[in-house]
Amino acid sequence: MPSKLDQLREISTVVADTGDLNAIKQFRPRDCTTNPSLILKAAQQEESAELVRDVVLASRAAGDSIERTLDKLAVRFGTELARLVPGHVSTEVNAQLSFDVEGMVQKAQSLIALYDQQGIGRDRILIKLAATWEGIQAARQLEQQGIHCNLTLVFSMEQAVACGEAGVFLISPFVGRITDWYKKAEGRDSYPVEDDPGVQSVKRIYAHFKQQGFQTVIMGASFRSAAQVEALAGCDRLTVSAALLGELDKDQGVLTRQLSPEAFHSAEHTPPVSQATFLWALIVNQMAGEKLHEGLRQFHVDYLKLRDLVEQLDAGERDVQGAAAKADQA
């Protein structure tokens, strides 16, 4: 009997939610997705230390700003991942730009140019943007330029539909973070998987997109358990942590398909989502509004931690080189 992970690969595209190069080699996902939190974790691993050092030294030699160095670090990790998987690698734009349409467009273009210098074509890269109203408008422009986007931090139907209407390549509705919010709000320790609010949210989005004929790929994300992953088996794509990939790989049970596009018939098109409707929905839907802004804060905090790490490495290398220069003069 094949493992549940192997069975899952037959009905959904499995994406590794990690920047750990060894985990990618072990589980052989089709795609990879990263964010500042995952790159920070990977950058602190011993096996990645030399990669980070190489980027820091090369950036200093080029006279790069710290922001440019961080971009090059993200692209270097993405390049290594692209060499390990046959599909897409997602690279995230700084969360601080999430309300700046032009800033996001320019940053995305810059990242794509860096990938091009590494010999990785834009067809292999997804630019990851937060699903703010501005993020969706930036993605609309980028898609028209042939730069595909992954809209992350999707917590509501309005966010998802606005992405579909903008022609976004892929959205990442967050399962676990939705469930976390409801558990806290309702004072519960858990939900039966069939009643799990995060799972139900993705199922509703999936059904609506298939009925409306949106071509946008739906990728369930932010899983807290293998049961949540199994409950969405058949979703277009599923991005799963290394720990849960390992759990599914060891499970020899039968995996039952839960979602299939053939199960949904076309329906009359719903009205487009306006900016006013979109923003008001994030007020009315307390969970979606809170989790979107919390997610942006978390990404920014980890971006700052990664920035501090790179600055410390750079300062350390300067000290080493300065000491070596003094020794040579002596």
C-alpha atoms as a PDB file:
ATOM      1  CA  MET A   1       0.000   0.000   0.000  1.00  0.00           C
ATOM      2  CA  PRO A   2       1.452   3.401  -0.955  1.00  0.00           C
ATOM      3  CA  SER A   3       1.711   5.997   1.796  1.00  0.00           C
ATOM      4  CA  LYS A   4      -0.929   8.668   2.202  1.00  0.00           C
ATOM      5  CA  LEU A   5       1.611  11.163   0.897  1.00  0.00           C
ATOM      6  CA  ASP A   6       2.014   9.157  -2.308  1.00  0.00           C
ATOM      7  CA  GLN A   7      -1.767   8.844  -2.606  1.00  0.00           C
ATOM      8  CA  LEU A   8      -2.126  12.587  -2.053  1.00  0.00           C
ATOM      9  CA  ARG A   9       0.337  13.296  -4.858  1.00  0.00           C
ATOM     10  CA  GLU A  10      -2.016  11.476  -7.247  1.00  0.00           C
ATOM     11  CA  ILE A  11      -4.903  13.897  -6.672  1.00  0.00           C
ATOM     12  CA  SER A  12      -3.335  17.176  -5.484  1.00  0.00           C
ATOM     13  CA  THR A  13      -0.112  19.002  -6.252  1.00  0.00           C
ATOM     14  CA  VAL A  14       1.934  18.735  -3.048  1.00  0.00           C
ATOM     15  CA  VAL A  15       3.906  21.844  -2.124  1.00  0.00           C
ATOM     16  CA  ALA A  16       6.551  21.958   0.604  1.00  0.00           C
ATOM     17  CA  ASP A  17       5.935  24.764   3.088  1.00  0.00           C
ATOM     18  CA  THR A  18       9.598  25.048   4.045  1.00  0.00           C
ATOM     19  CA  GLY A  19      12.935  26.501   3.032  1.00  0.00           C
ATOM     20  CA  ASP A  20      14.784  23.464   4.453  1.00  0.00           C
ATOM     21  CA  LEU A  21      16.788  22.095   1.531  1.00  0.00           C
ATOM     22  CA  ASN A  22      17.187  18.668   3.157  1.00  0.00           C
ATOM     23  CA  ALA A  23      13.439  18.325   3.698  1.00  0.00           C
ATOM     24  CA  ILE A  24      12.856  19.146   0.024  1.00  0.00           C
ATOM     25  CA  LYS A  25      15.284  16.418  -1.018  1.00  0.00           C
ATOM     26  CA  GLN A  26      13.567  13.939   1.291  1.00  0.00           C
ATOM     27  CA  PHE A  27       9.921  14.502   0.379  1.00  0.00           C
ATOM     28  CA  ARG A  28      10.261  15.463  -3.303  1.00  0.00           C
ATOM     29  CA  PRO A  29       7.379  17.954  -3.545  1.00  0.00           C
ATOM     30  CA  ARG A  30       6.428  19.447  -6.904  1.00  0.00           C
ATOM     31  CA  ASP A  31       6.503  23.071  -5.675  1.00  0.00           C
ATOM     32  CA  CYS A  32       7.963  25.011  -2.759  1.00  0.00           C
ATOM     33  CA  THR A  33       6.679  28.054  -0.956  1.00  0.00           C
ATOM     34  CA  THR A  34       8.627  30.291   1.423  1.00  0.00           C
ATOM     35  CA  ASN A  35       8.100  33.393   3.513  1.00  0.00           C
ATOM     36  CA  PRO A  36      10.369  35.466   5.801  1.00  0.00           C
ATOM     37  CA  SER A  37       9.658  33.123   8.725  1.00  0.00           C
ATOM     38  CA  LEU A  38      10.735  30.044   6.779  1.00  0.00           C
ATOM     39  CA  ILE A  39      13.829  31.715   5.310  1.00  0.00           C
ATOM     40  CA  LEU A  40      14.835  32.915   8.792  1.00  0.00           C
ATOM     41  CA  LYS A  41      14.560  29.360  10.115  1.00  0.00           C
ATOM     42  CA  ALA A  42      16.488  27.924   7.160  1.00  0.00           C
ATOM     43  CA  ALA A  43      19.181  30.608   7.395  1.00  0.00           C
ATOM     44  CA  GLN A  44      19.904  29.579  10.986  1.00  0.00           C
ATOM     45  CA  GLN A  45      20.529  25.935  10.067  1.00  0.00           C
ATOM     46  CA  GLU A  46      24.118  24.748   9.922  1.00  0.00           C
ATOM     47  CA  GLU A  47      23.773  23.296   6.420  1.00  0.00           C
ATOM     48  CA  SER A  48      22.667  26.706   5.088  1.00  0.00           C
ATOM     49  CA  ALA A  49      25.348  28.778   6.818  1.00  0.00           C
ATOM     50  CA  GLU A  50      27.755  28.757   3.877  1.00  0.00           C
ATOM     51  CA  LEU A  51      24.994  29.783   1.454  1.00  0.00           C
ATOM     52  CA  VAL A  52      24.067  32.759   3.629  1.00  0.00           C
ATOM     53  CA  ARG A  53      27.713  33.751   4.044  1.00  0.00           C
ATOM     54  CA  ASP A  54      28.270  33.627   0.280  1.00  0.00           C
ATOM     55  CA  VAL A  55      25.332  35.957  -0.331  1.00  0.00           C
ATOM     56  CA  VAL A  56      26.444  38.403   2.360  1.00  0.00           C
ATOM     57  CA  LEU A  57      30.022  38.553   1.047  1.00  0.00           C
ATOM     58  CA  ALA A  58      28.947  38.942  -2.579  1.00  0.00           C
ATOM     59  CA  SER A  59      26.442  41.659  -1.702  1.00  0.00           C
ATOM     60  CA  ARG A  60      29.010  43.588   0.307  1.00  0.00           C
ATOM     61  CA  ALA A  61      31.464  43.386  -2.593  1.00  0.00           C
ATOM     62  CA  ALA A  62      28.748  44.754  -4.876  1.00  0.00           C
ATOM     63  CA  GLY A  63      28.012  47.625  -2.482  1.00  0.00           C
ATOM     64  CA  ASP A  64      24.426  46.490  -1.952  1.00  0.00           C
ATOM     65  CA  SER A  65      22.063  47.936   0.609  1.00  0.00           C
ATOM     66  CA  ILE A  66      20.805  45.616   3.337  1.00  0.00           C
ATOM     67  CA  GLU A  67      17.427  45.438   1.586  1.00  0.00           C
ATOM     68  CA  ARG A  68      19.109  44.361  -1.649  1.00  0.00           C
ATOM     69  CA  THR A  69      21.100  41.766   0.270  1.00  0.00           C
ATOM     70  CA  LEU A  70      17.905  40.341   1.753  1.00  0.00           C
ATOM     71  CA  ASP A  71      16.351  40.172  -1.712  1.00  0.00           C
ATOM     72  CA  LYS A  72      19.411  38.335  -3.008  1.00  0.00           C
ATOM     73  CA  LEU A  73      19.239  35.949  -0.043  1.00  0.00           C
ATOM     74  CA  ALA A  74      15.587  35.140  -0.756  1.00  0.00           C
ATOM     75  CA  VAL A  75      16.400  34.580  -4.427  1.00  0.00           C
ATOM     76  CA  ARG A  76      19.419  32.419  -3.584  1.00  0.00           C
ATOM     77  CA  PHE A  77      17.266  30.161  -1.408  1.00  0.00           C
ATOM     78  CA  GLY A  78      14.624  30.157  -4.131  1.00  0.00           C
ATOM     79  CA  THR A  79      17.236  29.240  -6.741  1.00  0.00           C
ATOM     80  CA  GLU A  80      18.423  26.281  -4.660  1.00  0.00           C
ATOM     81  CA  LEU A  81      14.821  25.162  -4.195  1.00  0.00           C
ATOM     82  CA  ALA A  82      14.119  25.534  -7.923  1.00  0.00           C
ATOM     83  CA  ARG A  83      16.953  23.103  -8.592  1.00  0.00           C
ATOM     84  CA  LEU A  84      15.293  20.525  -6.334  1.00  0.00           C
ATOM     85  CA  VAL A  85      11.660  20.724  -7.489  1.00  0.00           C
ATOM     86  CA  PRO A  86      10.202  20.572 -11.000  1.00  0.00           C
ATOM     87  CA  GLY A  87       7.469  23.151 -10.441  1.00  0.00           C
ATOM     88  CA  HIS A  88       7.070  26.618  -8.957  1.00  0.00           C
ATOM     89  CA  VAL A  89       8.926  28.350  -6.143  1.00  0.00           C
ATOM     90  CA  SER A  90       7.135  31.192  -4.349  1.00  0.00           C
ATOM     91  CA  THR A  91       9.154  34.196  -3.179  1.00  0.00           C
ATOM     92  CA  GLU A  92       7.531  36.744  -0.905  1.00  0.00           C
ATOM     93  CA  VAL A  93       7.573  40.519  -1.213  1.00  0.00           C
ATOM     94  CA  ASN A  94       8.359  42.443   1.980  1.00  0.00           C
ATOM     95  CA  ALA A  95       5.109  42.679   3.997  1.00  0.00           C
ATOM     96  CA  GLN A  96       5.790  46.370   4.665  1.00  0.00           C
ATOM     97  CA  LEU A  97       4.878  47.040   1.017  1.00  0.00           C
ATOM     98  CA  SER A  98       1.459  45.385   1.331  1.00  0.00           C
ATOM     99  CA  PHE A  99      -0.457  48.666   0.928  1.00  0.00           C
ATOM    100  CA  ASP A 100       1.809  50.128  -1.783  1.00  0.00           C
ATOM    101  CA  VAL A 101       0.756  48.961  -5.253  1.00  0.00           C
ATOM    102  CA  GLU A 102       3.681  50.475  -7.139  1.00  0.00           C
ATOM    103  CA  GLY A 103       6.157  49.386  -4.472  1.00  0.00           C
ATOM    104  CA  MET A 104       5.002  45.773  -4.780  1.00  0.00           C
ATOM    105  CA  VAL A 105       5.126  45.858  -8.582  1.00  0.00           C
ATOM    106  CA  GLN A 106       8.658  47.258  -8.589  1.00  0.00           C
ATOM    107  CA  LYS A 107       9.854  44.774  -5.954  1.00  0.00           C
ATOM    108  CA  ALA A 108       8.368  41.863  -7.897  1.00  0.00           C
ATOM    109  CA  GLN A 109      10.062  43.011 -11.092  1.00  0.00           C
ATOM    110  CA  SER A 110      13.356  43.314  -9.215  1.00  0.00           C
ATOM    111  CA  LEU A 111      13.056  39.785  -7.792  1.00  0.00           C
ATOM    112  CA  ILE A 112      12.250  38.354 -11.210  1.00  0.00           C
ATOM    113  CA  ALA A 113      15.336  40.126 -12.620  1.00  0.00           C
ATOM    114  CA  LEU A 114      17.495  38.575  -9.875  1.00  0.00           C
ATOM    115  CA  TYR A 115      16.126  35.141 -10.700  1.00  0.00           C
ATOM    116  CA  ASP A 116      16.876  35.748 -14.355  1.00  0.00           C
ATOM    117  CA  GLN A 117      20.500  36.448 -13.422  1.00  0.00           C
ATOM    118  CA  GLN A 118      20.549  33.038 -11.716  1.00  0.00           C
ATOM    119  CA  GLY A 119      19.210  31.375 -14.858  1.00  0.00           C
ATOM    120  CA  ILE A 120      15.732  30.765 -13.389  1.00  0.00           C
ATOM    121  CA  GLY A 121      12.932  31.869 -15.703  1.00  0.00           C
ATOM    122  CA  ARG A 122       9.808  33.674 -14.563  1.00  0.00           C
ATOM    123  CA  ASP A 123       7.772  30.599 -15.513  1.00  0.00           C
ATOM    124  CA  ARG A 124       9.271  28.874 -12.443  1.00  0.00           C
ATOM    125  CA  ILE A 125       8.584  31.680  -9.946  1.00  0.00           C
ATOM    126  CA  LEU A 126       5.470  32.858  -8.146  1.00  0.00           C
ATOM    127  CA  ILE A 127       5.662  36.283  -6.533  1.00  0.00           C
ATOM    128  CA  LYS A 128       4.007  36.051  -3.152  1.00  0.00           C
ATOM    129  CA  LEU A 129       1.902  39.042  -2.080  1.00  0.00           C
ATOM    130  CA  ALA A 130      -0.472  39.570   0.826  1.00  0.00           C
ATOM    131  CA  ALA A 131      -4.140  39.578  -0.205  1.00  0.00           C
ATOM    132  CA  THR A 132      -4.767  43.192   0.748  1.00  0.00           C
ATOM    133  CA  TRP A 133      -6.795  45.220  -1.752  1.00  0.00           C
ATOM    134  CA  GLU A 134      -3.547  46.844  -2.891  1.00  0.00           C
ATOM    135  CA  GLY A 135      -1.791  43.480  -3.105  1.00  0.00           C
ATOM    136  CA  ILE A 136      -4.513  42.185  -5.412  1.00  0.00           C
ATOM    137  CA  GLN A 137      -4.263  45.270  -7.668  1.00  0.00           C
ATOM    138  CA  ALA A 138      -0.481  44.842  -7.834  1.00  0.00           C
ATOM    139  CA  ALA A 139      -0.991  41.188  -8.762  1.00  0.00           C
ATOM    140  CA  ARG A 140      -3.417  42.207 -11.510  1.00  0.00           C
ATOM    141  CA  GLN A 141      -0.683  44.365 -13.078  1.00  0.00           C
ATOM    142  CA  LEU A 142       1.992  41.709 -12.657  1.00  0.00           C
ATOM    143  CA  GLU A 143      -0.146  38.967 -14.191  1.00  0.00           C
ATOM    144  CA  GLN A 144      -0.648  41.207 -17.227  1.00  0.00           C
ATOM    145  CA  GLN A 145       3.163  41.430 -17.476  1.00  0.00           C
ATOM    146  CA  GLY A 146       3.512  37.647 -17.410  1.00  0.00           C
ATOM    147  CA  ILE A 147       4.688  37.549 -13.795  1.00  0.00           C
ATOM    148  CA  HIS A 148       2.550  35.009 -11.932  1.00  0.00           C
ATOM    149  CA  CYS A 149       1.514  35.634  -8.340  1.00  0.00           C
ATOM    150  CA  ASN A 150       0.650  33.708  -5.195  1.00  0.00           C
ATOM    151  CA  LEU A 151      -1.723  35.724  -2.998  1.00  0.00           C
ATOM    152  CA  THR A 152      -1.248  34.732   0.618  1.00  0.00           C
ATOM    153  CA  LEU A 153      -3.034  35.419   3.923  1.00  0.00           C
ATOM    154  CA  VAL A 154      -6.445  34.670   2.405  1.00  0.00           C
ATOM    155  CA  PHE A 155      -9.048  34.359   5.160  1.00  0.00           C
ATOM    156  CA  SER A 156     -12.329  35.384   3.522  1.00  0.00           C
ATOM    157  CA  MET A 157     -14.438  34.696   0.458  1.00  0.00           C
ATOM    158  CA  GLU A 158     -14.210  38.360  -0.552  1.00  0.00           C
ATOM    159  CA  GLN A 159     -10.415  38.207  -0.616  1.00  0.00           C
ATOM    160  CA  ALA A 160     -10.507  35.007  -2.643  1.00  0.00           C
ATOM    161  CA  VAL A 161     -13.078  36.271  -5.166  1.00  0.00           C
ATOM    162  CA  ALA A 162     -11.251  39.570  -5.681  1.00  0.00           C
ATOM    163  CA  CYS A 163      -8.134  37.524  -6.500  1.00  0.00           C
ATOM    164  CA  GLY A 164     -10.051  35.375  -8.958  1.00  0.00           C
ATOM    165  CA  GLU A 165     -11.504  38.431 -10.676  1.00  0.00           C
ATOM    166  CA  ALA A 166      -7.999  39.944 -10.951  1.00  0.00           C
ATOM    167  CA  GLY A 167      -6.741  36.853 -12.777  1.00  0.00           C
ATOM    168  CA  VAL A 168      -4.307  35.891 -10.032  1.00  0.00           C
ATOM    169  CA  PHE A 169      -2.489  32.625 -10.768  1.00  0.00           C
ATOM    170  CA  LEU A 170      -2.791  31.149  -7.252  1.00  0.00           C
ATOM    171  CA  ILE A 171      -4.272  31.904  -3.837  1.00  0.00           C
ATOM    172  CA  SER A 172      -3.317  30.459  -0.448  1.00  0.00           C
ATOM    173  CA  PRO A 173      -6.315  30.300   1.910  1.00  0.00           C
ATOM    174  CA  PHE A 174      -5.043  29.628   5.429  1.00  0.00           C
ATOM    175  CA  VAL A 175      -6.603  26.659   7.191  1.00  0.00           C
ATOM    176  CA  GLY A 176      -4.852  26.470  10.550  1.00  0.00           C
ATOM    177  CA  ARG A 177      -4.882  30.159  11.377  1.00  0.00           C
ATOM    178  CA  ILE A 178      -8.647  30.306  10.801  1.00  0.00           C
ATOM    179  CA  THR A 179      -9.128  27.329  13.088  1.00  0.00           C
ATOM    180  CA  ASP A 180      -6.830  28.880  15.702  1.00  0.00           C
ATOM    181  CA  TRP A 181      -8.966  32.021  15.783  1.00  0.00           C
ATOM    182  CA  TYR A 182     -12.246  30.165  16.219  1.00  0.00           C
ATOM    183  CA  LYS A 183     -10.844  27.866  18.890  1.00  0.00           C
ATOM    184  CA  LYS A 184      -9.805  30.894  20.910  1.00  0.00           C
ATOM    185  CA  ALA A 185     -13.021  32.837  20.229  1.00  0.00           C
ATOM    186  CA  GLU A 186     -15.271  29.886  21.070  1.00  0.00           C
ATOM    187  CA  GLY A 187     -13.166  28.483  23.901  1.00  0.00           C
ATOM    188  CA  ARG A 188     -12.679  25.124  22.223  1.00  0.00           C
ATOM    189  CA  ASP A 189      -9.721  22.768  22.203  1.00  0.00           C
ATOM    190  CA  SER A 190     -10.552  21.144  18.879  1.00  0.00           C
ATOM    191  CA  TYR A 191     -13.170  20.469  16.204  1.00  0.00           C
ATOM    192  CA  PRO A 192     -14.174  17.285  14.410  1.00  0.00           C
ATOM    193  CA  VAL A 193     -12.406  17.665  11.068  1.00  0.00           C
ATOM    194  CA  GLU A 194     -15.736  17.791   9.199  1.00  0.00           C
ATOM    195  CA  ASP A 195     -16.690  20.866  11.284  1.00  0.00           C
ATOM    196  CA  ASP A 196     -13.237  22.492  11.271  1.00  0.00           C
ATOM    197  CA  PRO A 197     -13.753  26.182  10.375  1.00  0.00           C
ATOM    198  CA  GLY A 198     -10.480  26.394   8.415  1.00  0.00           C
ATOM    199  CA  VAL A 199     -11.254  23.292   6.375  1.00  0.00           C
ATOM    200  CA  GLN A 200     -14.803  24.492   5.706  1.00  0.00           C
ATOM    201  CA  SER A 201     -13.517  27.888   4.534  1.00  0.00           C
ATOM    202  CA  VAL A 202     -11.288  26.323   1.873  1.00  0.00           C
ATOM    203  CA  LYS A 203     -14.069  23.982   0.769  1.00  0.00           C
ATOM    204  CA  ARG A 204     -16.421  26.950   0.247  1.00  0.00           C
ATOM    205  CA  ILE A 205     -13.801  28.844  -1.752  1.00  0.00           C
ATOM    206  CA  TYR A 206     -13.042  25.749  -3.840  1.00  0.00           C
ATOM    207  CA  ALA A 207     -16.725  25.164  -4.630  1.00  0.00           C
ATOM    208  CA  HIS A 208     -17.330  28.819  -5.526  1.00  0.00           C
ATOM    209  CA  PHE A 209     -14.315  29.017  -7.825  1.00  0.00           C
ATOM    210  CA  LYS A 210     -15.277  25.845  -9.697  1.00  0.00           C
ATOM    211  CA  GLN A 211     -18.877  27.059 -10.069  1.00  0.00           C
ATOM    212  CA  GLN A 212     -17.775  30.502 -11.287  1.00  0.00           C
ATOM    213  CA  GLY A 213     -15.163  29.137 -13.667  1.00  0.00           C
ATOM    214  CA  PHE A 214     -12.218  30.995 -12.116  1.00  0.00           C
ATOM    215  CA  GLN A 215      -8.920  29.604 -13.389  1.00  0.00           C
ATOM    216  CA  THR A 216      -7.068  30.653 -10.233  1.00  0.00           C
ATOM    217  CA  VAL A 217      -5.338  27.745  -8.483  1.00  0.00           C
ATOM    218  CA  ILE A 218      -6.482  27.133  -4.894  1.00  0.00           C
ATOM    219  CA  MET A 219      -3.712  26.041  -2.548  1.00  0.00           C
ATOM    220  CA  GLY A 220      -4.720  25.166   1.007  1.00  0.00           C
ATOM    221  CA  ALA A 221      -2.072  26.380   3.469  1.00  0.00           C
ATOM    222  CA  SER A 222      -1.209  26.700   7.156  1.00  0.00           C
ATOM    223  CA  PHE A 223      -2.169  23.212   8.305  1.00  0.00           C
ATOM    224  CA  ARG A 224      -2.109  22.217  11.957  1.00  0.00           C
ATOM    225  CA  SER A 225      -2.667  18.475  11.496  1.00  0.00           C
ATOM    226  CA  ALA A 226      -2.499  15.704   8.942  1.00  0.00           C
ATOM    227  CA  ALA A 227      -6.273  15.307   9.380  1.00  0.00           C
ATOM    228  CA  GLN A 228      -6.794  18.819   8.003  1.00  0.00           C
ATOM    229  CA  VAL A 229      -4.642  17.978   4.991  1.00  0.00           C
ATOM    230  CA  GLU A 230      -6.566  14.754   4.370  1.00  0.00           C
ATOM    231  CA  ALA A 231      -9.888  16.626   4.654  1.00  0.00           C
ATOM    232  CA  LEU A 232      -8.852  18.729   1.628  1.00  0.00           C
ATOM    233  CA  ALA A 233      -7.413  15.895  -0.478  1.00  0.00           C
ATOM    234  CA  GLY A 234      -8.128  16.755  -4.098  1.00  0.00           C
ATOM    235  CA  CYS A 235      -7.743  20.515  -3.674  1.00  0.00           C
ATOM    236  CA  ASP A 236      -5.698  21.956  -6.556  1.00  0.00           C
ATOM    237  CA  ARG A 237      -2.579  22.303  -4.412  1.00  0.00           C
ATOM    238  CA  LEU A 238      -1.747  21.817  -0.748  1.00  0.00           C
ATOM    239  CA  THR A 239       1.295  23.397   0.897  1.00  0.00           C
ATOM    240  CA  VAL A 240       2.350  21.292   3.855  1.00  0.00           C
ATOM    241  CA  SER A 241       5.086  21.583   6.481  1.00  0.00           C
ATOM    242  CA  ALA A 242       7.980  19.119   6.546  1.00  0.00           C
ATOM    243  CA  ALA A 243       6.690  17.631   9.816  1.00  0.00           C
ATOM    244  CA  LEU A 244       3.253  16.862   8.374  1.00  0.00           C
ATOM    245  CA  LEU A 245       4.751  15.582   5.122  1.00  0.00           C
ATOM    246  CA  GLY A 246       6.740  13.140   7.241  1.00  0.00           C
ATOM    247  CA  GLU A 247       3.607  12.063   9.110  1.00  0.00           C
ATOM    248  CA  LEU A 248       1.703  11.430   5.878  1.00  0.00           C
ATOM    249  CA  ASP A 249       4.674   9.592   4.414  1.00  0.00           C
ATOM    250  CA  LYS A 250       4.683   7.132   7.312  1.00  0.00           C
ATOM    251  CA  ASP A 251       0.922   6.514   7.193  1.00  0.00           C
ATOM    252  CA  GLN A 252      -0.008   3.457   5.076  1.00  0.00           C
ATOM    253  CA  GLY A 253      -3.767   3.963   5.431  1.00  0.00           C
ATOM    254  CA  VAL A 254      -6.248   4.708   2.667  1.00  0.00           C
ATOM    255  CA  LEU A 255      -6.623   8.350   1.619  1.00  0.00           C
ATOM    256  CA  THR A 256     -10.094   9.300   0.357  1.00  0.00           C
ATOM    257  CA  ARG A 257     -10.517  12.115  -2.146  1.00  0.00           C
ATOM    258  CA  GLN A 258     -12.645  14.923  -0.680  1.00  0.00           C
ATOM    259  CA  LEU A 259     -12.660  17.562  -3.434  1.00  0.00           C
ATOM    260  CA  SER A 260     -13.059  17.232  -7.186  1.00  0.00           C
ATOM    261  CA  PRO A 261     -13.868  19.915  -9.798  1.00  0.00           C
ATOM    262  CA  GLU A 262     -16.319  17.572 -11.514  1.00  0.00           C
ATOM    263  CA  ALA A 263     -18.560  17.693  -8.445  1.00  0.00           C
ATOM    264  CA  PHE A 264     -19.510  21.328  -9.110  1.00  0.00           C
ATOM    265  CA  HIS A 265     -21.635  22.652 -11.958  1.00  0.00           C
ATOM    266  CA  SER A 266     -21.372  26.137 -13.445  1.00  0.00           C
ATOM    267  CA  ALA A 267     -23.468  28.780 -11.743  1.00  0.00           C
ATOM    268  CA  GLU A 268     -24.595  32.292 -12.598  1.00  0.00           C
ATOM    269  CA  HIS A 269     -21.768  34.770 -12.167  1.00  0.00           C
ATOM    270  CA  THR A 270     -21.835  36.770  -8.951  1.00  0.00           C
ATOM    271  CA  PRO A 271     -21.288  40.571  -8.944  1.00  0.00           C
ATOM    272  CA  PRO A 272     -17.646  41.705  -8.823  1.00  0.00           C
ATOM    273  CA  VAL A 273     -16.147  42.635  -5.469  1.00  0.00           C
ATOM    274  CA  SER A 274     -15.620  46.403  -5.193  1.00  0.00           C
ATOM    275  CA  GLN A 275     -12.963  48.014  -3.050  1.00  0.00           C
ATOM    276  CA  ALA A 276     -15.617  49.251  -0.619  1.00  0.00           C
ATOM    277  CA  THR A 277     -17.173  45.779  -0.348  1.00  0.00           C
ATOM    278  CA  PHE A 278     -13.761  44.199   0.122  1.00  0.00           C
ATOM    279  CA  LEU A 279     -12.675  46.553   2.900  1.00  0.00           C
ATOM    280  CA  TRP A 280     -16.006  46.448   4.698  1.00  0.00           C
ATOM    281  CA  ALA A 281     -15.964  42.642   4.639  1.00  0.00           C
ATOM    282  CA  LEU A 282     -12.676  42.717   6.589  1.00  0.00           C
ATOM    283  CA  ILE A 283     -14.438  44.832   9.228  1.00  0.00           C
ATOM    284  CA  VAL A 284     -17.555  42.671   9.460  1.00  0.00           C
ATOM    285  CA  ASN A 285     -15.589  39.404   9.387  1.00  0.00           C
ATOM    286  CA  GLN A 286     -13.602  39.936  12.569  1.00  0.00           C
ATOM    287  CA  MET A 287     -11.571  36.762  12.072  1.00  0.00           C
ATOM    288  CA  ALA A 288     -10.441  37.702   8.558  1.00  0.00           C
ATOM    289  CA  GLY A 289      -9.543  41.277   9.466  1.00  0.00           C
ATOM    290  CA  GLU A 290      -7.610  40.299  12.574  1.00  0.00           C
ATOM    291  CA  LYS A 291      -5.760  37.364  10.983  1.00  0.00           C
ATOM    292  CA  LEU A 292      -4.766  39.356   7.880  1.00  0.00           C
ATOM    293  CA  HIS A 293      -3.182  42.124   9.934  1.00  0.00           C
ATOM    294  CA  GLU A 294      -1.683  39.692  12.434  1.00  0.00           C
ATOM    295  CA  GLY A 295      -0.118  37.748   9.564  1.00  0.00           C
ATOM    296  CA  LEU A 296       1.386  40.907   8.109  1.00  0.00           C
ATOM    297  CA  ARG A 297       2.853  41.795  11.510  1.00  0.00           C
ATOM    298  CA  GLN A 298       4.323  38.315  11.947  1.00  0.00           C
ATOM    299  CA  PHE A 299       5.946  38.360   8.517  1.00  0.00           C
ATOM    300  CA  HIS A 300       7.358  41.816   9.203  1.00  0.00           C
ATOM    301  CA  VAL A 301       8.749  40.802  12.609  1.00  0.00           C
ATOM    302  CA  ASP A 302      10.523  37.829  11.059  1.00  0.00           C
ATOM    303  CA  TYR A 303      11.760  40.020   8.203  1.00  0.00           C
ATOM    304  CA  LEU A 304      13.342  42.313  10.798  1.00  0.00           C
ATOM    305  CA  LYS A 305      14.879  39.328  12.597  1.00  0.00           C
ATOM    306  CA  LEU A 306      16.312  38.100   9.299  1.00  0.00           C
ATOM    307  CA  ARG A 307      17.633  41.595   8.624  1.00  0.00           C
ATOM    308  CA  ASP A 308      19.338  41.644  12.040  1.00  0.00           C
ATOM    309  CA  LEU A 309      20.870  38.225  11.386  1.00  0.00           C
ATOM    310  CA  VAL A 310      22.302  39.338   8.048  1.00  0.00           C
ATOM    311  CA  GLU A 311      23.637  42.585   9.543  1.00  0.00           C
ATOM    312  CA  GLN A 312      25.339  40.615  12.350  1.00  0.00           C
ATOM    313  CA  LEU A 313      26.910  38.233   9.835  1.00  0.00           C
ATOM    314  CA  ASP A 314      28.080  41.157   7.746  1.00  0.00           C
ATOM    315  CA  ALA A 315      29.595  42.890  10.783  1.00  0.00           C
ATOM    316  CA  GLY A 316      31.304  39.658  11.805  1.00  0.00           C
ATOM    317  CA  GLU A 317      32.826  39.201   8.361  1.00  0.00           C
ATOM    318  CA  ARG A 318      34.066  42.804   8.423  1.00  0.00           C
ATOM    319  CA  ASP A 319      35.765  42.167  11.773  1.00  0.00           C
ATOM    320  CA  VAL A 320      37.428  39.001  10.464  1.00  0.00           C
ATOM    321  CA  GLN A 321      38.650  40.712   7.323  1.00  0.00           C
ATOM    322  CA  GLY A 322      39.823  43.741   9.310  1.00  0.00           C
ATOM    323  CA  ALA A 323      41.826  41.527  11.659  1.00  0.00           C
ATOM    324  CA  ALA A 324      43.335  39.678   8.701  1.00  0.00           C
ATOM    325  CA  ALA A 325      44.334  42.953   7.055  1.00  0.00           C
ATOM    326  CA  LYS A 326      46.072  44.156  10.240  1.00  0.00           C
ATOM    327  CA  ALA A 327      47.913  40.850  10.509  1.00  0.00           C
ATOM    328  CA  ASP A 328      49.148  41.191   6.928  1.00  0.00           C
ATOM    329  CA  GLN A 329      50.391  44.730   7.614  1.00  0.00           C
ATOM    330  CA  ALA A 330      52.232  43.540  10.713  1.00  0.00           C
END
